[in-house]
Amino acid sequence: MATIKRWIDVDAEITEADREWTEFMFRSLVGHYQTSLADVEWSLADDVEKTGMVTLADLGVGRTRVTVSIDYEGDTGAEEAVGAHLDRDLAEFKRFAETRG
């Protein structure tokens, strides 16, 4: 199993970033008119087995670092696909958190 880690710094206090991450994930996953949380899976790439962890770190002065670490198994192109998807999701979260805060 391989690991890929990406992070992004957002202009938000850590408590606000945490609240916005929860809202962002809820909108991303359930916002597509899912009827049950049991049906929800954060899809990073097709045909890739994955698990992950999100951590938030207070950088001070109203900034927070959001780090996502994904453990995955997949073919040789999986790292590129997972990394590209993760980069897009984190950039979208930054826009989401900074425009709402």
PDB file of N, CA and C in Angstrom:
ATOM      1  N   MET A   1       0.856  -1.175   0.000  1.00  0.00           N
ATOM      2  CA  MET A   1       0.000   0.000   0.000  1.00  0.00           C
ATOM      3  C   MET A   1       0.903   1.240   0.000  1.00  0.00           C
ATOM      4  N   ALA A   2       0.575   2.201  -0.823  1.00  0.00           N
ATOM      5  CA  ALA A   2       1.337   3.441  -0.916  1.00  0.00           C
ATOM      6  C   ALA A   2       0.564   4.570  -0.237  1.00  0.00           C
ATOM      7  N   THR A   3       1.273   5.621   0.099  1.00  0.00           N
ATOM      8  CA  THR A   3       0.654   6.788   0.745  1.00  0.00           C
ATOM      9  C   THR A   3       0.955   8.033  -0.064  1.00  0.00           C
ATOM     10  N   ILE A   4      -0.053   8.861  -0.203  1.00  0.00           N
ATOM     11  CA  ILE A   4       0.129  10.179  -0.811  1.00  0.00           C
ATOM     12  C   ILE A   4      -0.398  11.208   0.175  1.00  0.00           C
ATOM     13  N   LYS A   5       0.331  12.297   0.315  1.00  0.00           N
ATOM     14  CA  LYS A   5      -0.059  13.333   1.269  1.00  0.00           C
ATOM     15  C   LYS A   5      -0.034  14.677   0.557  1.00  0.00           C
ATOM     16  N   ARG A   6      -1.099  15.428   0.770  1.00  0.00           N
ATOM     17  CA  ARG A   6      -1.207  16.779   0.223  1.00  0.00           C
ATOM     18  C   ARG A   6      -1.730  17.695   1.315  1.00  0.00           C
ATOM     19  N   TRP A   7      -1.372  18.976   1.233  1.00  0.00           N
ATOM     20  CA  TRP A   7      -1.894  19.942   2.192  1.00  0.00           C
ATOM     21  C   TRP A   7      -2.106  21.272   1.519  1.00  0.00           C
ATOM     22  N   ILE A   8      -2.909  22.081   2.189  1.00  0.00           N
ATOM     23  CA  ILE A   8      -3.167  23.440   1.715  1.00  0.00           C
ATOM     24  C   ILE A   8      -3.379  24.325   2.933  1.00  0.00           C
ATOM     25  N   ASP A   9      -2.906  25.550   2.857  1.00  0.00           N
ATOM     26  CA  ASP A   9      -3.097  26.525   3.930  1.00  0.00           C
ATOM     27  C   ASP A   9      -4.280  27.415   3.570  1.00  0.00           C
ATOM     28  N   VAL A  10      -5.170  27.597   4.540  1.00  0.00           N
ATOM     29  CA  VAL A  10      -6.347  28.426   4.315  1.00  0.00           C
ATOM     30  C   VAL A  10      -6.358  29.583   5.299  1.00  0.00           C
ATOM     31  N   ASP A  11      -6.918  30.683   4.866  1.00  0.00           N
ATOM     32  CA  ASP A  11      -7.061  31.861   5.722  1.00  0.00           C
ATOM     33  C   ASP A  11      -8.322  31.711   6.556  1.00  0.00           C
ATOM     34  N   ALA A  12      -8.200  30.931   7.640  1.00  0.00           N
ATOM     35  CA  ALA A  12      -9.313  30.695   8.554  1.00  0.00           C
ATOM     36  C   ALA A  12      -8.751  30.175   9.871  1.00  0.00           C
ATOM     37  N   GLU A  13      -9.382  30.573  10.967  1.00  0.00           N
ATOM     38  CA  GLU A  13      -9.017  30.015  12.271  1.00  0.00           C
ATOM     39  C   GLU A  13      -9.285  28.512  12.237  1.00  0.00           C
ATOM     40  N   ILE A  14      -8.587  27.754  13.070  1.00  0.00           N
ATOM     41  CA  ILE A  14      -8.709  26.297  13.029  1.00  0.00           C
ATOM     42  C   ILE A  14     -10.136  25.819  13.317  1.00  0.00           C
ATOM     43  N   THR A  15     -10.832  26.459  14.243  1.00  0.00           N
ATOM     44  CA  THR A  15     -12.209  26.034  14.537  1.00  0.00           C
ATOM     45  C   THR A  15     -13.124  26.304  13.336  1.00  0.00           C
ATOM     46  N   GLU A  16     -12.906  27.427  12.677  1.00  0.00           N
ATOM     47  CA  GLU A  16     -13.686  27.757  11.481  1.00  0.00           C
ATOM     48  C   GLU A  16     -13.340  26.793  10.340  1.00  0.00           C
ATOM     49  N   ALA A  17     -12.059  26.496  10.155  1.00  0.00           N
ATOM     50  CA  ALA A  17     -11.639  25.567   9.104  1.00  0.00           C
ATOM     51  C   ALA A  17     -12.236  24.182   9.341  1.00  0.00           C
ATOM     52  N   ASP A  18     -12.273  23.751  10.597  1.00  0.00           N
ATOM     53  CA  ASP A  18     -12.860  22.460  10.935  1.00  0.00           C
ATOM     54  C   ASP A  18     -14.352  22.442  10.581  1.00  0.00           C
ATOM     55  N   ARG A  19     -15.053  23.484  10.950  1.00  0.00           N
ATOM     56  CA  ARG A  19     -16.481  23.592  10.645  1.00  0.00           C
ATOM     57  C   ARG A  19     -16.706  23.620   9.123  1.00  0.00           C
ATOM     58  N   GLU A  20     -15.875  24.375   8.424  1.00  0.00           N
ATOM     59  CA  GLU A  20     -16.021  24.473   6.972  1.00  0.00           C
ATOM     60  C   GLU A  20     -15.668  23.159   6.287  1.00  0.00           C
ATOM     61  N   TRP A  21     -14.669  22.419   6.807  1.00  0.00           N
ATOM     62  CA  TRP A  21     -14.323  21.117   6.227  1.00  0.00           C
ATOM     63  C   TRP A  21     -15.520  20.172   6.333  1.00  0.00           C
ATOM     64  N   THR A  22     -16.154  20.149   7.494  1.00  0.00           N
ATOM     65  CA  THR A  22     -17.320  19.295   7.689  1.00  0.00           C
ATOM     66  C   THR A  22     -18.427  19.669   6.703  1.00  0.00           C
ATOM     67  N   GLU A  23     -18.694  20.956   6.558  1.00  0.00           N
ATOM     68  CA  GLU A  23     -19.723  21.420   5.625  1.00  0.00           C
ATOM     69  C   GLU A  23     -19.337  21.088   4.182  1.00  0.00           C
ATOM     70  N   PHE A  24     -18.072  21.298   3.830  1.00  0.00           N
ATOM     71  CA  PHE A  24     -17.573  21.024   2.485  1.00  0.00           C
ATOM     72  C   PHE A  24     -17.749  19.543   2.137  1.00  0.00           C
ATOM     73  N   MET A  25     -17.350  18.672   3.056  1.00  0.00           N
ATOM     74  CA  MET A  25     -17.473  17.245   2.800  1.00  0.00           C
ATOM     75  C   MET A  25     -18.944  16.832   2.724  1.00  0.00           C
ATOM     76  N   PHE A  26     -19.765  17.387   3.591  1.00  0.00           N
ATOM     77  CA  PHE A  26     -21.188  17.074   3.557  1.00  0.00           C
ATOM     78  C   PHE A  26     -21.779  17.475   2.207  1.00  0.00           C
ATOM     79  N   ARG A  27     -21.475  18.674   1.761  1.00  0.00           N
ATOM     80  CA  ARG A  27     -22.001  19.133   0.466  1.00  0.00           C
ATOM     81  C   ARG A  27     -21.453  18.307  -0.682  1.00  0.00           C
ATOM     82  N   SER A  28     -20.169  17.946  -0.610  1.00  0.00           N
ATOM     83  CA  SER A  28     -19.547  17.174  -1.682  1.00  0.00           C
ATOM     84  C   SER A  28     -20.109  15.769  -1.766  1.00  0.00           C
ATOM     85  N   LEU A  29     -20.332  15.164  -0.617  1.00  0.00           N
ATOM     86  CA  LEU A  29     -20.742  13.770  -0.603  1.00  0.00           C
ATOM     87  C   LEU A  29     -22.248  13.587  -0.627  1.00  0.00           C
ATOM     88  N   VAL A  30     -22.946  14.338   0.194  1.00  0.00           N
ATOM     89  CA  VAL A  30     -24.376  14.155   0.331  1.00  0.00           C
ATOM     90  C   VAL A  30     -25.142  15.119  -0.568  1.00  0.00           C
ATOM     91  N   GLY A  31     -24.498  16.145  -0.991  1.00  0.00           N
ATOM     92  CA  GLY A  31     -25.149  17.164  -1.797  1.00  0.00           C
ATOM     93  C   GLY A  31     -25.599  16.686  -3.160  1.00  0.00           C
ATOM     94  N   HIS A  32     -25.211  15.492  -3.510  1.00  0.00           N
ATOM     95  CA  HIS A  32     -25.631  14.941  -4.794  1.00  0.00           C
ATOM     96  C   HIS A  32     -26.893  14.108  -4.641  1.00  0.00           C
ATOM     97  N   TYR A  33     -27.749  14.543  -3.694  1.00  0.00           N
ATOM     98  CA  TYR A  33     -29.051  13.936  -3.463  1.00  0.00           C
ATOM     99  C   TYR A  33     -28.963  12.469  -3.065  1.00  0.00           C
ATOM    100  N   GLN A  34     -27.950  12.154  -2.275  1.00  0.00           N
ATOM    101  CA  GLN A  34     -27.850  10.810  -1.715  1.00  0.00           C
ATOM    102  C   GLN A  34     -28.996  10.621  -0.732  1.00  0.00           C
ATOM    103  N   THR A  35     -29.494   9.430  -0.641  1.00  0.00           N
ATOM    104  CA  THR A  35     -30.596   9.168   0.281  1.00  0.00           C
ATOM    105  C   THR A  35     -30.125   8.560   1.582  1.00  0.00           C
ATOM    106  N   SER A  36     -28.891   8.080   1.621  1.00  0.00           N
ATOM    107  CA  SER A  36     -28.398   7.436   2.826  1.00  0.00           C
ATOM    108  C   SER A  36     -26.905   7.681   2.971  1.00  0.00           C
ATOM    109  N   LEU A  37     -26.473   7.987   4.178  1.00  0.00           N
ATOM    110  CA  LEU A  37     -25.044   8.157   4.412  1.00  0.00           C
ATOM    111  C   LEU A  37     -24.290   6.857   4.187  1.00  0.00           C
ATOM    112  N   ALA A  38     -24.966   5.718   4.307  1.00  0.00           N
ATOM    113  CA  ALA A  38     -24.316   4.435   4.068  1.00  0.00           C
ATOM    114  C   ALA A  38     -23.873   4.298   2.610  1.00  0.00           C
ATOM    115  N   ASP A  39     -24.494   5.054   1.704  1.00  0.00           N
ATOM    116  CA  ASP A  39     -24.150   4.979   0.288  1.00  0.00           C
ATOM    117  C   ASP A  39     -23.015   5.929  -0.094  1.00  0.00           C
ATOM    118  N   VAL A  40     -22.530   6.723   0.861  1.00  0.00           N
ATOM    119  CA  VAL A  40     -21.561   7.764   0.561  1.00  0.00           C
ATOM    120  C   VAL A  40     -20.139   7.236   0.664  1.00  0.00           C
ATOM    121  N   GLU A  41     -19.348   7.541  -0.333  1.00  0.00           N
ATOM    122  CA  GLU A  41     -17.919   7.241  -0.297  1.00  0.00           C
ATOM    123  C   GLU A  41     -17.200   8.356  -1.019  1.00  0.00           C
ATOM    124  N   TRP A  42     -16.151   8.889  -0.423  1.00  0.00           N
ATOM    125  CA  TRP A  42     -15.369   9.941  -1.061  1.00  0.00           C
ATOM    126  C   TRP A  42     -14.540   9.295  -2.151  1.00  0.00           C
ATOM    127  N   SER A  43     -14.910   9.489  -3.372  1.00  0.00           N
ATOM    128  CA  SER A  43     -14.287   8.805  -4.491  1.00  0.00           C
ATOM    129  C   SER A  43     -13.115   9.609  -5.009  1.00  0.00           C
ATOM    130  N   LEU A  44     -11.914   9.117  -4.774  1.00  0.00           N
ATOM    131  CA  LEU A  44     -10.719   9.805  -5.250  1.00  0.00           C
ATOM    132  C   LEU A  44     -10.329   9.381  -6.651  1.00  0.00           C
ATOM    133  N   ALA A  45     -10.567   8.151  -6.980  1.00  0.00           N
ATOM    134  CA  ALA A  45     -10.256   7.649  -8.312  1.00  0.00           C
ATOM    135  C   ALA A  45     -10.955   6.304  -8.481  1.00  0.00           C
ATOM    136  N   ASP A  46     -11.301   5.978  -9.695  1.00  0.00           N
ATOM    137  CA  ASP A  46     -11.948   4.699  -9.952  1.00  0.00           C
ATOM    138  C   ASP A  46     -10.966   3.556  -9.743  1.00  0.00           C
ATOM    139  N   ASP A  47     -11.475   2.446  -9.281  1.00  0.00           N
ATOM    140  CA  ASP A  47     -10.691   1.215  -9.131  1.00  0.00           C
ATOM    141  C   ASP A  47      -9.462   1.364  -8.247  1.00  0.00           C
ATOM    142  N   VAL A  48      -9.546   2.210  -7.244  1.00  0.00           N
ATOM    143  CA  VAL A  48      -8.442   2.380  -6.300  1.00  0.00           C
ATOM    144  C   VAL A  48      -8.983   2.138  -4.898  1.00  0.00           C
ATOM    145  N   GLU A  49      -8.403   1.168  -4.198  1.00  0.00           N
ATOM    146  CA  GLU A  49      -8.748   0.936  -2.799  1.00  0.00           C
ATOM    147  C   GLU A  49      -8.030   1.988  -1.982  1.00  0.00           C
ATOM    148  N   LYS A  50      -8.756   2.657  -1.057  1.00  0.00           N
ATOM    149  CA  LYS A  50      -8.114   3.747  -0.322  1.00  0.00           C
ATOM    150  C   LYS A  50      -8.716   3.929   1.062  1.00  0.00           C
ATOM    151  N   THR A  51      -7.873   4.451   1.947  1.00  0.00           N
ATOM    152  CA  THR A  51      -8.284   4.920   3.269  1.00  0.00           C
ATOM    153  C   THR A  51      -7.540   6.220   3.484  1.00  0.00           C
ATOM    154  N   GLY A  52      -8.030   7.058   4.373  1.00  0.00           N
ATOM    155  CA  GLY A  52      -7.360   8.336   4.537  1.00  0.00           C
ATOM    156  C   GLY A  52      -7.595   8.972   5.877  1.00  0.00           C
ATOM    157  N   MET A  53      -6.863  10.067   6.084  1.00  0.00           N
ATOM    158  CA  MET A  53      -6.972  10.825   7.313  1.00  0.00           C
ATOM    159  C   MET A  53      -6.788  12.306   6.982  1.00  0.00           C
ATOM    160  N   VAL A  54      -7.578  13.131   7.663  1.00  0.00           N
ATOM    161  CA  VAL A  54      -7.483  14.581   7.514  1.00  0.00           C
ATOM    162  C   VAL A  54      -7.033  15.159   8.843  1.00  0.00           C
ATOM    163  N   THR A  55      -6.029  16.036   8.806  1.00  0.00           N
ATOM    164  CA  THR A  55      -5.594  16.719  10.023  1.00  0.00           C
ATOM    165  C   THR A  55      -5.589  18.219   9.775  1.00  0.00           C
ATOM    166  N   LEU A  56      -5.863  18.968  10.832  1.00  0.00           N
ATOM    167  CA  LEU A  56      -5.839  20.426  10.782  1.00  0.00           C
ATOM    168  C   LEU A  56      -4.782  20.911  11.763  1.00  0.00           C
ATOM    169  N   ALA A  57      -3.972  21.863  11.328  1.00  0.00           N
ATOM    170  CA  ALA A  57      -2.939  22.423  12.199  1.00  0.00           C
ATOM    171  C   ALA A  57      -3.069  23.935  12.230  1.00  0.00           C
ATOM    172  N   ASP A  58      -3.074  24.491  13.424  1.00  0.00           N
ATOM    173  CA  ASP A  58      -3.164  25.943  13.612  1.00  0.00           C
ATOM    174  C   ASP A  58      -1.813  26.563  13.271  1.00  0.00           C
ATOM    175  N   LEU A  59      -1.789  27.414  12.261  1.00  0.00           N
ATOM    176  CA  LEU A  59      -0.560  28.097  11.858  1.00  0.00           C
ATOM    177  C   LEU A  59      -0.430  29.465  12.512  1.00  0.00           C
ATOM    178  N   GLY A  60      -1.437  29.843  13.304  1.00  0.00           N
ATOM    179  CA  GLY A  60      -1.435  31.159  13.934  1.00  0.00           C
ATOM    180  C   GLY A  60      -1.916  32.227  12.973  1.00  0.00           C
ATOM    181  N   VAL A  61      -2.190  33.393  13.507  1.00  0.00           N
ATOM    182  CA  VAL A  61      -2.615  34.557  12.725  1.00  0.00           C
ATOM    183  C   VAL A  61      -3.763  34.218  11.760  1.00  0.00           C
ATOM    184  N   GLY A  62      -4.735  33.422  12.240  1.00  0.00           N
ATOM    185  CA  GLY A  62      -5.921  33.148  11.437  1.00  0.00           C
ATOM    186  C   GLY A  62      -5.703  32.226  10.255  1.00  0.00           C
ATOM    187  N   ARG A  63      -4.681  31.377  10.313  1.00  0.00           N
ATOM    188  CA  ARG A  63      -4.411  30.442   9.209  1.00  0.00           C
ATOM    189  C   ARG A  63      -4.389  29.017   9.735  1.00  0.00           C
ATOM    190  N   THR A  64      -4.829  28.104   8.885  1.00  0.00           N
ATOM    191  CA  THR A  64      -4.871  26.686   9.227  1.00  0.00           C
ATOM    192  C   THR A  64      -4.331  25.868   8.065  1.00  0.00           C
ATOM    193  N   ARG A  65      -3.536  24.852   8.380  1.00  0.00           N
ATOM    194  CA  ARG A  65      -3.077  23.911   7.358  1.00  0.00           C
ATOM    195  C   ARG A  65      -3.975  22.677   7.423  1.00  0.00           C
ATOM    196  N   VAL A  66      -4.559  22.332   6.271  1.00  0.00           N
ATOM    197  CA  VAL A  66      -5.380  21.136   6.139  1.00  0.00           C
ATOM    198  C   VAL A  66      -4.539  20.114   5.376  1.00  0.00           C
ATOM    199  N   THR A  67      -4.305  18.973   6.016  1.00  0.00           N
ATOM    200  CA  THR A  67      -3.488  17.913   5.415  1.00  0.00           C
ATOM    201  C   THR A  67      -4.343  16.671   5.242  1.00  0.00           C
ATOM    202  N   VAL A  68      -4.302  16.116   4.032  1.00  0.00           N
ATOM    203  CA  VAL A  68      -5.004  14.869   3.740  1.00  0.00           C
ATOM    204  C   VAL A  68      -3.956  13.837   3.360  1.00  0.00           C
ATOM    205  N   SER A  69      -4.000  12.715   4.053  1.00  0.00           N
ATOM    206  CA  SER A  69      -3.092  11.604   3.792  1.00  0.00           C
ATOM    207  C   SER A  69      -3.933  10.417   3.339  1.00  0.00           C
ATOM    208  N   ILE A  70      -3.628   9.878   2.169  1.00  0.00           N
ATOM    209  CA  ILE A  70      -4.394   8.775   1.596  1.00  0.00           C
ATOM    210  C   ILE A  70      -3.479   7.567   1.424  1.00  0.00           C
ATOM    211  N   ASP A  71      -3.886   6.430   1.981  1.00  0.00           N
ATOM    212  CA  ASP A  71      -3.239   5.148   1.720  1.00  0.00           C
ATOM    213  C   ASP A  71      -4.055   4.476   0.635  1.00  0.00           C
ATOM    214  N   TYR A  72      -3.409   3.989  -0.402  1.00  0.00           N
ATOM    215  CA  TYR A  72      -4.155   3.431  -1.524  1.00  0.00           C
ATOM    216  C   TYR A  72      -3.419   2.260  -2.160  1.00  0.00           C
ATOM    217  N   GLU A  73      -4.191   1.452  -2.837  1.00  0.00           N
ATOM    218  CA  GLU A  73      -3.674   0.387  -3.684  1.00  0.00           C
ATOM    219  C   GLU A  73      -4.321   0.551  -5.036  1.00  0.00           C
ATOM    220  N   GLY A  74      -3.534   0.451  -6.061  1.00  0.00           N
ATOM    221  CA  GLY A  74      -4.071   0.577  -7.409  1.00  0.00           C
ATOM    222  C   GLY A  74      -2.979   0.316  -8.412  1.00  0.00           C
ATOM    223  N   ASP A  75      -3.294   0.498  -9.676  1.00  0.00           N
ATOM    224  CA  ASP A  75      -2.291   0.260 -10.704  1.00  0.00           C
ATOM    225  C   ASP A  75      -1.232   1.346 -10.684  1.00  0.00           C
ATOM    226  N   THR A  76      -0.300   1.295 -11.622  1.00  0.00           N
ATOM    227  CA  THR A  76       0.826   2.224 -11.610  1.00  0.00           C
ATOM    228  C   THR A  76       0.407   3.677 -11.832  1.00  0.00           C
ATOM    229  N   GLY A  77      -0.740   3.918 -12.432  1.00  0.00           N
ATOM    230  CA  GLY A  77      -1.216   5.282 -12.636  1.00  0.00           C
ATOM    231  C   GLY A  77      -2.026   5.821 -11.472  1.00  0.00           C
ATOM    232  N   ALA A  78      -2.207   5.007 -10.445  1.00  0.00           N
ATOM    233  CA  ALA A  78      -3.067   5.410  -9.327  1.00  0.00           C
ATOM    234  C   ALA A  78      -2.525   6.628  -8.603  1.00  0.00           C
ATOM    235  N   GLU A  79      -1.228   6.701  -8.372  1.00  0.00           N
ATOM    236  CA  GLU A  79      -0.675   7.832  -7.621  1.00  0.00           C
ATOM    237  C   GLU A  79      -0.966   9.152  -8.318  1.00  0.00           C
ATOM    238  N   GLU A  80      -0.787   9.196  -9.610  1.00  0.00           N
ATOM    239  CA  GLU A  80      -1.053  10.419 -10.358  1.00  0.00           C
ATOM    240  C   GLU A  80      -2.539  10.792 -10.303  1.00  0.00           C
ATOM    241  N   ALA A  81      -3.414   9.808 -10.479  1.00  0.00           N
ATOM    242  CA  ALA A  81      -4.854  10.064 -10.459  1.00  0.00           C
ATOM    243  C   ALA A  81      -5.309  10.517  -9.076  1.00  0.00           C
ATOM    244  N   VAL A  82      -4.859   9.825  -8.036  1.00  0.00           N
ATOM    245  CA  VAL A  82      -5.236  10.183  -6.671  1.00  0.00           C
ATOM    246  C   VAL A  82      -4.704  11.566  -6.324  1.00  0.00           C
ATOM    247  N   GLY A  83      -3.441  11.836  -6.652  1.00  0.00           N
ATOM    248  CA  GLY A  83      -2.839  13.137  -6.353  1.00  0.00           C
ATOM    249  C   GLY A  83      -3.539  14.281  -7.057  1.00  0.00           C
ATOM    250  N   ALA A  84      -3.873  14.107  -8.320  1.00  0.00           N
ATOM    251  CA  ALA A  84      -4.550  15.158  -9.084  1.00  0.00           C
ATOM    252  C   ALA A  84      -5.932  15.435  -8.512  1.00  0.00           C
ATOM    253  N   HIS A  85      -6.665  14.382  -8.162  1.00  0.00           N
ATOM    254  CA  HIS A  85      -8.000  14.556  -7.584  1.00  0.00           C
ATOM    255  C   HIS A  85      -7.903  15.259  -6.232  1.00  0.00           C
ATOM    256  N   LEU A  86      -6.943  14.853  -5.425  1.00  0.00           N
ATOM    257  CA  LEU A  86      -6.760  15.452  -4.115  1.00  0.00           C
ATOM    258  C   LEU A  86      -6.378  16.925  -4.226  1.00  0.00           C
ATOM    259  N   ASP A  87      -5.497  17.261  -5.166  1.00  0.00           N
ATOM    260  CA  ASP A  87      -5.122  18.666  -5.387  1.00  0.00           C
ATOM    261  C   ASP A  87      -6.345  19.509  -5.752  1.00  0.00           C
ATOM    262  N   ARG A  88      -7.202  18.997  -6.626  1.00  0.00           N
ATOM    263  CA  ARG A  88      -8.412  19.717  -7.015  1.00  0.00           C
ATOM    264  C   ARG A  88      -9.349  19.904  -5.825  1.00  0.00           C
ATOM    265  N   ASP A  89      -9.533  18.838  -5.045  1.00  0.00           N
ATOM    266  CA  ASP A  89     -10.430  18.927  -3.893  1.00  0.00           C
ATOM    267  C   ASP A  89      -9.926  19.928  -2.863  1.00  0.00           C
ATOM    268  N   LEU A  90      -8.631  19.934  -2.602  1.00  0.00           N
ATOM    269  CA  LEU A  90      -8.086  20.875  -1.612  1.00  0.00           C
ATOM    270  C   LEU A  90      -8.170  22.322  -2.110  1.00  0.00           C
ATOM    271  N   ALA A  91      -7.923  22.542  -3.382  1.00  0.00           N
ATOM    272  CA  ALA A  91      -8.060  23.892  -3.941  1.00  0.00           C
ATOM    273  C   ALA A  91      -9.509  24.362  -3.850  1.00  0.00           C
ATOM    274  N   GLU A  92     -10.441  23.472  -4.123  1.00  0.00           N
ATOM    275  CA  GLU A  92     -11.861  23.813  -4.014  1.00  0.00           C
ATOM    276  C   GLU A  92     -12.238  24.104  -2.558  1.00  0.00           C
ATOM    277  N   PHE A  93     -11.698  23.316  -1.630  1.00  0.00           N
ATOM    278  CA  PHE A  93     -11.971  23.578  -0.221  1.00  0.00           C
ATOM    279  C   PHE A  93     -11.444  24.950   0.187  1.00  0.00           C
ATOM    280  N   LYS A  94     -10.245  25.317  -0.262  1.00  0.00           N
ATOM    281  CA  LYS A  94      -9.682  26.628   0.069  1.00  0.00           C
ATOM    282  C   LYS A  94     -10.617  27.740  -0.382  1.00  0.00           C
ATOM    283  N   ARG A  95     -11.107  27.652  -1.624  1.00  0.00           N
ATOM    284  CA  ARG A  95     -12.059  28.657  -2.121  1.00  0.00           C
ATOM    285  C   ARG A  95     -13.324  28.663  -1.283  1.00  0.00           C
ATOM    286  N   PHE A  96     -13.827  27.497  -0.968  1.00  0.00           N
ATOM    287  CA  PHE A  96     -15.051  27.353  -0.179  1.00  0.00           C
ATOM    288  C   PHE A  96     -14.874  27.994   1.207  1.00  0.00           C
ATOM    289  N   ALA A  97     -13.802  27.631   1.896  1.00  0.00           N
ATOM    290  CA  ALA A  97     -13.592  28.110   3.277  1.00  0.00           C
ATOM    291  C   ALA A  97     -13.320  29.613   3.319  1.00  0.00           C
ATOM    292  N   GLU A  98     -12.550  30.111   2.390  1.00  0.00           N
ATOM    293  CA  GLU A  98     -12.171  31.518   2.429  1.00  0.00           C
ATOM    294  C   GLU A  98     -13.271  32.455   1.960  1.00  0.00           C
ATOM    295  N   THR A  99     -14.144  31.981   1.105  1.00  0.00           N
ATOM    296  CA  THR A  99     -15.236  32.855   0.658  1.00  0.00           C
ATOM    297  C   THR A  99     -16.402  32.846   1.647  1.00  0.00           C
ATOM    298  N   ARG A 100     -16.565  31.758   2.381  1.00  0.00           N
ATOM    299  CA  ARG A 100     -17.650  31.677   3.356  1.00  0.00           C
ATOM    300  C   ARG A 100     -17.278  32.350   4.668  1.00  0.00           C
ATOM    301  N   GLY A 101     -15.984  32.297   5.017  1.00  0.00           N
ATOM    302  CA  GLY A 101     -15.553  32.848   6.309  1.00  0.00           C
ATOM    303  C   GLY A 101     -15.514  34.334   6.274  1.00  0.00           C
TER     304      GLY A 101
END
